[in-house]
C-alpha cells in the first residue's frame, strides 16, 4: 500500500466527520456514550484545516490526523482526530503515519499529548511509540510523549 499525507481543505470536513462516526462507534457504544449527532458535531465544532492532514492510501481517502499547538507556553502539540478507515486498519498505516508525525515533533523538540478512549486498541499503538499515561478517568486516558521518546523502527 502506498500512502501520503496532504493538508486538509474545508471540503474534507464531512468525509472526516463520517469516518469519525464509523471508527469511534464501537468504543463509544461500549462506554455507553455513542450519540449519532454528537459524534459528528464534536468534530465539526473542532475542525481546523490548518492543523489537520488527510491520509490517502493507494490514492484514496483513508483517514485524517490533526496536530495542533498545545495552546500553552510549553513547546508541544495535541495529536487529535487520528482516524483510519476500517479497510486500512491493521496494515501498518497508523504506525507509519504516527512515526512520520513524531519524527517532525522530535525535530522541533516538542512534546505531544493525546487522549484515547478507555479500552481502545489504539492505546497500544501509542505506547509502542513512547506515549505514557499522564492521567485517566472512566472514559478517557490522557497520554504524553516527551521529545525523542523510544520508538519502534518502522519497516
N, C-alpha and C. Protein backbone atom coordinates (compact mmCIF):
# COMPACT_ATOMS: atom_id res chain seq x y z
N UNK A 1 0.85 -1.18 0.00
CA UNK A 1 0.00 0.00 0.00
C UNK A 1 0.89 1.24 0.00
N UNK A 2 0.63 2.14 -0.92
CA UNK A 2 1.33 3.42 -0.91
C UNK A 2 0.42 4.43 -0.21
N UNK A 3 1.05 5.36 0.49
CA UNK A 3 0.26 6.33 1.24
C UNK A 3 0.92 7.69 1.19
N UNK A 4 0.13 8.70 1.50
CA UNK A 4 0.62 10.08 1.54
C UNK A 4 -0.25 10.86 2.51
N UNK A 5 0.31 11.95 2.98
CA UNK A 5 -0.42 12.89 3.83
C UNK A 5 -0.45 14.22 3.09
N UNK A 6 -1.64 14.82 3.06
CA UNK A 6 -1.77 16.13 2.43
C UNK A 6 -2.53 17.06 3.37
N UNK A 7 -2.33 18.37 3.23
CA UNK A 7 -3.08 19.30 4.07
C UNK A 7 -4.58 19.16 3.82
N UNK A 8 -5.36 19.29 4.86
CA UNK A 8 -6.82 19.23 4.74
C UNK A 8 -7.34 20.53 4.15
N UNK A 9 -8.46 20.40 3.47
CA UNK A 9 -9.19 21.53 2.90
C UNK A 9 -10.56 21.56 3.58
N UNK A 10 -11.23 22.69 3.57
CA UNK A 10 -12.57 22.75 4.18
C UNK A 10 -13.52 21.66 3.66
N UNK A 11 -13.42 21.31 2.40
CA UNK A 11 -14.32 20.29 1.85
C UNK A 11 -14.02 18.87 2.34
N UNK A 12 -12.92 18.69 3.07
CA UNK A 12 -12.60 17.39 3.67
C UNK A 12 -13.39 17.14 4.95
N UNK A 13 -14.02 18.18 5.48
CA UNK A 13 -14.68 18.05 6.78
C UNK A 13 -15.69 16.91 6.82
N UNK A 14 -16.64 16.88 5.91
CA UNK A 14 -17.70 15.87 6.01
C UNK A 14 -17.20 14.44 5.85
N UNK A 15 -16.28 14.14 4.93
CA UNK A 15 -15.74 12.77 4.91
C UNK A 15 -15.05 12.39 6.22
N UNK A 16 -14.34 13.33 6.84
CA UNK A 16 -13.69 13.06 8.12
C UNK A 16 -14.74 12.85 9.21
N UNK A 17 -15.79 13.67 9.20
CA UNK A 17 -16.87 13.55 10.17
C UNK A 17 -17.49 12.16 10.10
N UNK A 18 -17.77 11.69 8.89
CA UNK A 18 -18.39 10.37 8.73
C UNK A 18 -17.45 9.26 9.14
N UNK A 19 -16.17 9.39 8.81
CA UNK A 19 -15.19 8.39 9.22
C UNK A 19 -15.11 8.33 10.74
N UNK A 20 -15.10 9.48 11.39
CA UNK A 20 -15.06 9.53 12.85
C UNK A 20 -16.23 8.75 13.45
N UNK A 21 -17.42 8.96 12.90
CA UNK A 21 -18.60 8.27 13.43
C UNK A 21 -18.46 6.76 13.31
N UNK A 22 -17.93 6.28 12.19
CA UNK A 22 -17.75 4.84 11.97
C UNK A 22 -16.69 4.27 12.90
N UNK A 23 -15.55 4.95 12.96
CA UNK A 23 -14.40 4.43 13.71
C UNK A 23 -14.63 4.47 15.22
N UNK A 24 -15.26 5.52 15.70
CA UNK A 24 -15.43 5.66 17.15
C UNK A 24 -16.64 4.92 17.70
N UNK A 25 -17.55 4.54 16.84
CA UNK A 25 -18.80 3.93 17.29
C UNK A 25 -18.60 2.75 18.24
N UNK A 26 -17.77 1.75 17.89
CA UNK A 26 -17.65 0.60 18.81
C UNK A 26 -17.19 0.98 20.22
N UNK A 27 -16.18 1.84 20.32
CA UNK A 27 -15.69 2.24 21.64
C UNK A 27 -16.72 3.08 22.38
N UNK A 28 -17.35 4.00 21.68
CA UNK A 28 -18.35 4.84 22.33
C UNK A 28 -19.57 4.03 22.77
N UNK A 29 -19.98 3.07 21.96
CA UNK A 29 -21.10 2.21 22.38
C UNK A 29 -20.71 1.38 23.60
N UNK A 30 -19.50 0.83 23.60
CA UNK A 30 -19.02 0.04 24.73
C UNK A 30 -19.04 0.87 26.01
N UNK A 31 -18.73 2.15 25.89
CA UNK A 31 -18.70 3.04 27.04
C UNK A 31 -20.06 3.68 27.33
N UNK A 32 -21.06 3.34 26.53
CA UNK A 32 -22.40 3.90 26.73
C UNK A 32 -22.50 5.37 26.38
N UNK A 33 -21.68 5.83 25.43
CA UNK A 33 -21.62 7.26 25.14
C UNK A 33 -21.86 7.60 23.67
N UNK A 34 -22.29 6.63 22.87
CA UNK A 34 -22.49 6.92 21.45
C UNK A 34 -23.77 7.71 21.23
N UNK A 35 -23.65 8.78 20.48
CA UNK A 35 -24.79 9.62 20.08
C UNK A 35 -24.53 10.00 18.63
N UNK A 36 -25.45 9.62 17.73
CA UNK A 36 -25.29 9.85 16.28
C UNK A 36 -24.97 11.31 15.94
N UNK A 37 -25.63 12.23 16.57
CA UNK A 37 -25.41 13.65 16.28
C UNK A 37 -24.12 14.16 16.93
N UNK A 38 -23.95 13.86 18.19
CA UNK A 38 -22.80 14.40 18.95
C UNK A 38 -21.46 13.94 18.39
N UNK A 39 -21.37 12.67 17.97
CA UNK A 39 -20.11 12.15 17.45
C UNK A 39 -19.66 12.93 16.21
N UNK A 40 -20.62 13.41 15.46
CA UNK A 40 -20.30 14.19 14.27
C UNK A 40 -20.08 15.68 14.60
N UNK A 41 -20.95 16.21 15.45
CA UNK A 41 -20.89 17.64 15.74
C UNK A 41 -19.61 18.03 16.48
N UNK A 42 -19.12 17.16 17.33
CA UNK A 42 -17.88 17.49 18.06
C UNK A 42 -16.73 17.74 17.11
N UNK A 43 -16.64 16.97 16.03
CA UNK A 43 -15.58 17.21 15.06
C UNK A 43 -15.87 18.47 14.25
N UNK A 44 -17.11 18.66 13.86
CA UNK A 44 -17.45 19.89 13.12
C UNK A 44 -17.07 21.13 13.92
N UNK A 45 -17.32 21.10 15.23
CA UNK A 45 -17.01 22.25 16.09
C UNK A 45 -15.52 22.47 16.28
N UNK A 46 -14.73 21.40 16.17
CA UNK A 46 -13.29 21.49 16.45
C UNK A 46 -12.41 21.50 15.21
N UNK A 47 -12.99 21.29 14.04
CA UNK A 47 -12.20 21.14 12.82
C UNK A 47 -11.38 22.37 12.51
N UNK A 48 -10.10 22.15 12.29
CA UNK A 48 -9.19 23.22 11.90
C UNK A 48 -8.36 22.71 10.71
N UNK A 49 -8.75 23.09 9.49
CA UNK A 49 -7.99 22.61 8.33
C UNK A 49 -6.50 22.94 8.44
N UNK A 50 -6.20 24.04 9.08
CA UNK A 50 -4.81 24.49 9.23
C UNK A 50 -3.94 23.47 9.95
N UNK A 51 -4.54 22.71 10.88
CA UNK A 51 -3.77 21.75 11.67
C UNK A 51 -4.09 20.30 11.34
N UNK A 52 -4.95 20.11 10.35
CA UNK A 52 -5.40 18.76 10.01
C UNK A 52 -4.78 18.30 8.70
N UNK A 53 -4.49 17.01 8.64
CA UNK A 53 -3.99 16.39 7.42
C UNK A 53 -4.92 15.25 7.03
N UNK A 54 -5.03 15.03 5.73
CA UNK A 54 -5.79 13.91 5.20
C UNK A 54 -4.78 12.83 4.82
N UNK A 55 -5.12 11.60 5.18
CA UNK A 55 -4.28 10.46 4.86
C UNK A 55 -4.91 9.76 3.66
N UNK A 56 -4.10 9.54 2.63
CA UNK A 56 -4.56 8.83 1.45
C UNK A 56 -3.76 7.54 1.31
N UNK A 57 -4.45 6.47 0.97
CA UNK A 57 -3.80 5.18 0.74
C UNK A 57 -4.18 4.71 -0.66
N UNK A 58 -3.18 4.39 -1.45
CA UNK A 58 -3.41 3.99 -2.83
C UNK A 58 -4.30 4.99 -3.56
N UNK A 59 -4.06 6.29 -3.26
CA UNK A 59 -4.73 7.36 -3.97
C UNK A 59 -6.14 7.70 -3.51
N UNK A 60 -6.64 7.05 -2.46
CA UNK A 60 -7.99 7.35 -1.99
C UNK A 60 -7.98 7.77 -0.52
N UNK A 61 -9.03 8.48 -0.12
CA UNK A 61 -9.19 8.93 1.25
C UNK A 61 -9.15 7.72 2.20
N UNK A 62 -8.26 7.78 3.19
CA UNK A 62 -8.12 6.67 4.13
C UNK A 62 -8.17 7.12 5.58
N UNK A 63 -8.11 8.43 5.82
CA UNK A 63 -8.14 8.87 7.20
C UNK A 63 -7.74 10.32 7.37
N UNK A 64 -7.54 10.65 8.65
CA UNK A 64 -7.16 12.02 9.00
C UNK A 64 -6.34 12.00 10.27
N UNK A 65 -5.65 13.10 10.49
CA UNK A 65 -4.93 13.32 11.74
C UNK A 65 -4.72 14.82 11.90
N UNK A 66 -4.83 15.30 13.13
CA UNK A 66 -4.59 16.71 13.41
C UNK A 66 -3.47 16.80 14.45
N UNK A 67 -2.61 17.75 14.24
CA UNK A 67 -1.53 18.04 15.17
C UNK A 67 -1.56 19.54 15.39
N UNK A 68 -2.15 19.95 16.51
CA UNK A 68 -2.29 21.38 16.76
C UNK A 68 -1.41 21.81 17.93
N UNK A 69 -0.99 23.06 17.91
CA UNK A 69 -0.20 23.57 19.04
C UNK A 69 -0.99 23.42 20.34
N UNK A 70 -0.27 23.22 21.43
CA UNK A 70 -0.92 22.95 22.71
C UNK A 70 -1.70 24.12 23.25
N UNK A 71 -1.38 25.33 22.81
CA UNK A 71 -2.11 26.49 23.30
C UNK A 71 -1.59 27.04 24.61
N UNK A 72 -0.50 26.48 25.10
CA UNK A 72 0.12 26.99 26.32
C UNK A 72 1.52 27.47 25.97
N UNK A 73 2.24 27.92 26.97
CA UNK A 73 3.60 28.40 26.73
C UNK A 73 4.59 27.28 26.44
N UNK A 74 4.20 26.04 26.74
CA UNK A 74 5.12 24.94 26.52
C UNK A 74 5.26 24.64 25.03
N UNK A 75 6.36 24.01 24.68
CA UNK A 75 6.60 23.61 23.30
C UNK A 75 5.97 22.24 23.10
N UNK A 76 4.73 22.22 22.61
CA UNK A 76 4.07 20.95 22.46
C UNK A 76 2.89 21.01 21.53
N UNK A 77 2.32 19.83 21.29
CA UNK A 77 1.20 19.67 20.38
C UNK A 77 0.18 18.71 20.98
N UNK A 78 -1.04 18.79 20.48
CA UNK A 78 -2.08 17.81 20.73
C UNK A 78 -2.27 17.01 19.45
N UNK A 79 -2.19 15.72 19.55
CA UNK A 79 -2.49 14.81 18.45
C UNK A 79 -3.97 14.46 18.56
N UNK A 80 -4.73 14.80 17.54
CA UNK A 80 -6.18 14.64 17.60
C UNK A 80 -6.71 14.11 16.27
N UNK A 81 -7.93 13.62 16.32
CA UNK A 81 -8.68 13.23 15.12
C UNK A 81 -7.88 12.30 14.21
N UNK A 82 -7.22 11.34 14.84
CA UNK A 82 -6.44 10.34 14.11
C UNK A 82 -7.36 9.15 13.84
N UNK A 83 -7.91 9.13 12.65
CA UNK A 83 -8.87 8.09 12.27
C UNK A 83 -8.42 7.44 10.98
N UNK A 84 -8.49 6.12 10.94
CA UNK A 84 -8.21 5.37 9.72
C UNK A 84 -9.43 4.55 9.35
N UNK A 85 -9.71 4.50 8.06
CA UNK A 85 -10.82 3.69 7.57
C UNK A 85 -10.60 2.23 7.97
N UNK A 86 -11.65 1.53 8.35
CA UNK A 86 -11.51 0.13 8.75
C UNK A 86 -10.77 -0.72 7.72
N UNK A 87 -10.93 -0.45 6.44
CA UNK A 87 -10.29 -1.25 5.39
C UNK A 87 -8.77 -1.17 5.41
N UNK A 88 -8.20 -0.12 6.00
CA UNK A 88 -6.74 0.02 6.02
C UNK A 88 -6.16 -0.21 7.42
N UNK A 89 -7.00 -0.44 8.41
CA UNK A 89 -6.50 -0.69 9.76
C UNK A 89 -5.80 -2.04 9.83
N UNK A 90 -4.81 -2.12 10.71
CA UNK A 90 -4.10 -3.38 10.92
C UNK A 90 -3.08 -3.71 9.85
N UNK A 91 -2.75 -2.75 9.02
CA UNK A 91 -1.80 -2.98 7.93
C UNK A 91 -0.54 -2.13 8.07
N UNK A 92 -0.36 -1.49 9.23
CA UNK A 92 0.85 -0.71 9.47
C UNK A 92 0.75 0.75 9.08
N UNK A 93 -0.36 1.15 8.52
CA UNK A 93 -0.50 2.55 8.10
C UNK A 93 -0.51 3.50 9.29
N UNK A 94 -1.24 3.16 10.35
CA UNK A 94 -1.28 4.02 11.53
C UNK A 94 0.11 4.21 12.13
N UNK A 95 0.87 3.13 12.22
CA UNK A 95 2.23 3.22 12.76
C UNK A 95 3.12 4.08 11.88
N UNK A 96 2.98 3.94 10.57
CA UNK A 96 3.80 4.72 9.64
C UNK A 96 3.47 6.20 9.73
N UNK A 97 2.19 6.53 9.77
CA UNK A 97 1.77 7.93 9.88
C UNK A 97 2.25 8.51 11.21
N UNK A 98 2.04 7.78 12.29
CA UNK A 98 2.46 8.26 13.60
C UNK A 98 3.97 8.46 13.65
N UNK A 99 4.71 7.54 13.11
CA UNK A 99 6.18 7.66 13.05
C UNK A 99 6.58 8.95 12.32
N UNK A 100 5.93 9.22 11.20
CA UNK A 100 6.24 10.43 10.42
C UNK A 100 5.96 11.69 11.23
N UNK A 101 4.80 11.74 11.88
CA UNK A 101 4.47 12.92 12.68
C UNK A 101 5.42 13.11 13.85
N UNK A 102 5.76 12.01 14.51
CA UNK A 102 6.64 12.11 15.68
C UNK A 102 8.06 12.46 15.30
N UNK A 103 8.49 12.08 14.12
CA UNK A 103 9.81 12.49 13.63
C UNK A 103 9.85 14.02 13.52
N UNK A 104 8.75 14.60 13.04
CA UNK A 104 8.66 16.06 12.93
C UNK A 104 8.66 16.72 14.30
N UNK A 105 7.86 16.20 15.23
CA UNK A 105 7.80 16.83 16.54
C UNK A 105 9.12 16.67 17.28
N UNK A 106 9.79 15.54 17.08
CA UNK A 106 11.11 15.36 17.69
C UNK A 106 12.12 16.37 17.15
N UNK A 107 12.05 16.65 15.85
CA UNK A 107 12.96 17.63 15.25
C UNK A 107 12.75 19.01 15.86
N UNK A 108 11.53 19.28 16.31
CA UNK A 108 11.22 20.55 16.97
C UNK A 108 11.39 20.47 18.48
N UNK A 109 11.83 19.32 18.99
CA UNK A 109 11.98 19.09 20.42
C UNK A 109 10.66 19.37 21.16
N UNK A 110 9.56 18.91 20.56
CA UNK A 110 8.23 19.20 21.11
C UNK A 110 7.61 17.95 21.72
N UNK A 111 6.94 18.15 22.84
CA UNK A 111 6.19 17.04 23.43
C UNK A 111 4.84 16.93 22.73
N UNK A 112 4.21 15.77 22.86
CA UNK A 112 2.93 15.52 22.21
C UNK A 112 1.98 14.91 23.23
N UNK A 113 0.77 15.44 23.27
CA UNK A 113 -0.28 14.91 24.14
C UNK A 113 -1.43 14.40 23.28
N UNK A 114 -2.18 13.48 23.83
CA UNK A 114 -3.37 12.97 23.17
C UNK A 114 -4.28 12.38 24.21
N UNK A 115 -5.51 12.12 23.80
CA UNK A 115 -6.36 11.30 24.66
C UNK A 115 -6.96 10.20 23.81
N UNK A 116 -7.15 9.07 24.44
CA UNK A 116 -7.69 7.88 23.81
C UNK A 116 -8.77 7.34 24.73
N UNK A 117 -9.79 6.73 24.16
CA UNK A 117 -10.87 6.21 24.99
C UNK A 117 -10.43 4.96 25.75
N UNK A 118 -10.93 4.80 26.96
CA UNK A 118 -10.66 3.61 27.75
C UNK A 118 -11.00 2.37 26.93
N UNK A 119 -10.10 1.39 26.92
CA UNK A 119 -10.34 0.13 26.22
C UNK A 119 -10.05 0.16 24.74
N UNK A 120 -9.66 1.30 24.19
CA UNK A 120 -9.38 1.38 22.76
C UNK A 120 -8.08 0.66 22.42
N UNK A 121 -8.08 -0.15 21.36
CA UNK A 121 -6.84 -0.80 20.94
C UNK A 121 -5.78 0.20 20.47
N UNK A 122 -6.17 1.43 20.15
CA UNK A 122 -5.21 2.45 19.72
C UNK A 122 -4.19 2.75 20.82
N UNK A 123 -4.57 2.53 22.06
CA UNK A 123 -3.64 2.80 23.16
C UNK A 123 -2.33 2.04 22.98
N UNK A 124 -2.39 0.80 22.52
CA UNK A 124 -1.16 0.01 22.33
C UNK A 124 -0.26 0.64 21.28
N UNK A 125 -0.85 1.16 20.22
CA UNK A 125 -0.07 1.84 19.18
C UNK A 125 0.68 3.02 19.79
N UNK A 126 -0.02 3.82 20.57
CA UNK A 126 0.61 5.00 21.17
C UNK A 126 1.71 4.60 22.16
N UNK A 127 1.47 3.58 22.94
CA UNK A 127 2.50 3.14 23.89
C UNK A 127 3.74 2.64 23.16
N UNK A 128 3.56 1.96 22.05
CA UNK A 128 4.72 1.49 21.27
C UNK A 128 5.55 2.65 20.73
N UNK A 129 4.94 3.81 20.62
CA UNK A 129 5.64 4.99 20.11
C UNK A 129 6.08 5.94 21.22
N UNK A 130 6.12 5.46 22.44
CA UNK A 130 6.69 6.23 23.53
C UNK A 130 5.72 7.05 24.36
N UNK A 131 4.43 6.94 24.13
CA UNK A 131 3.45 7.66 24.95
C UNK A 131 3.26 6.93 26.27
N UNK A 132 3.10 7.71 27.33
CA UNK A 132 2.81 7.15 28.64
C UNK A 132 1.56 7.82 29.20
N UNK A 133 0.91 7.14 30.11
CA UNK A 133 -0.32 7.67 30.71
C UNK A 133 0.03 8.82 31.63
N UNK A 134 -0.65 9.93 31.41
CA UNK A 134 -0.48 11.11 32.26
C UNK A 134 -1.60 11.16 33.30
N UNK A 135 -2.82 10.86 32.87
CA UNK A 135 -3.96 10.79 33.78
C UNK A 135 -5.08 10.04 33.07
N UNK A 136 -6.09 9.66 33.83
CA UNK A 136 -7.23 8.98 33.22
C UNK A 136 -8.47 9.14 34.08
N UNK A 137 -9.59 8.93 33.43
CA UNK A 137 -10.88 8.93 34.11
C UNK A 137 -11.67 7.75 33.55
N UNK A 138 -12.91 7.57 33.93
CA UNK A 138 -13.65 6.39 33.45
C UNK A 138 -13.84 6.32 31.93
N UNK A 139 -13.67 7.43 31.22
CA UNK A 139 -13.87 7.44 29.78
C UNK A 139 -12.58 7.65 29.01
N UNK A 140 -11.75 8.58 29.43
CA UNK A 140 -10.56 8.98 28.68
C UNK A 140 -9.26 8.62 29.38
N UNK A 141 -8.25 8.36 28.56
CA UNK A 141 -6.87 8.20 29.03
C UNK A 141 -6.08 9.31 28.36
N UNK A 142 -5.43 10.14 29.14
CA UNK A 142 -4.62 11.23 28.62
C UNK A 142 -3.17 10.77 28.63
N UNK A 143 -2.53 10.89 27.47
CA UNK A 143 -1.17 10.37 27.32
C UNK A 143 -0.23 11.49 26.89
N UNK A 144 1.04 11.29 27.19
CA UNK A 144 2.10 12.26 26.91
C UNK A 144 3.29 11.54 26.31
N UNK A 145 3.91 12.18 25.34
CA UNK A 145 5.15 11.66 24.77
C UNK A 145 6.17 12.79 24.78
N UNK A 146 7.26 12.56 25.48
CA UNK A 146 8.34 13.53 25.52
C UNK A 146 9.12 13.47 24.21
N UNK A 147 9.79 14.54 23.84
CA UNK A 147 10.57 14.53 22.61
C UNK A 147 11.59 13.38 22.61
N UNK A 148 11.74 12.78 21.47
CA UNK A 148 12.73 11.72 21.26
C UNK A 148 12.53 10.50 22.15
N UNK A 149 11.29 10.23 22.55
CA UNK A 149 11.00 9.01 23.29
C UNK A 149 11.26 7.81 22.39
N UNK A 150 11.54 6.70 22.99
CA UNK A 150 11.83 5.49 22.21
C UNK A 150 10.66 5.17 21.29
N UNK A 151 11.00 4.83 20.06
CA UNK A 151 10.00 4.44 19.07
C UNK A 151 10.49 3.19 18.37
N UNK A 152 9.55 2.40 17.88
CA UNK A 152 9.96 1.22 17.12
C UNK A 152 10.48 1.65 15.75
N UNK A 153 11.27 0.81 15.15
CA UNK A 153 11.71 1.04 13.80
C UNK A 153 10.59 0.58 12.88
N UNK A 154 10.19 1.46 11.98
CA UNK A 154 9.10 1.14 11.05
C UNK A 154 9.73 0.53 9.79
N UNK A 155 9.32 -0.70 9.45
CA UNK A 155 9.92 -1.32 8.25
C UNK A 155 9.53 -0.62 6.97
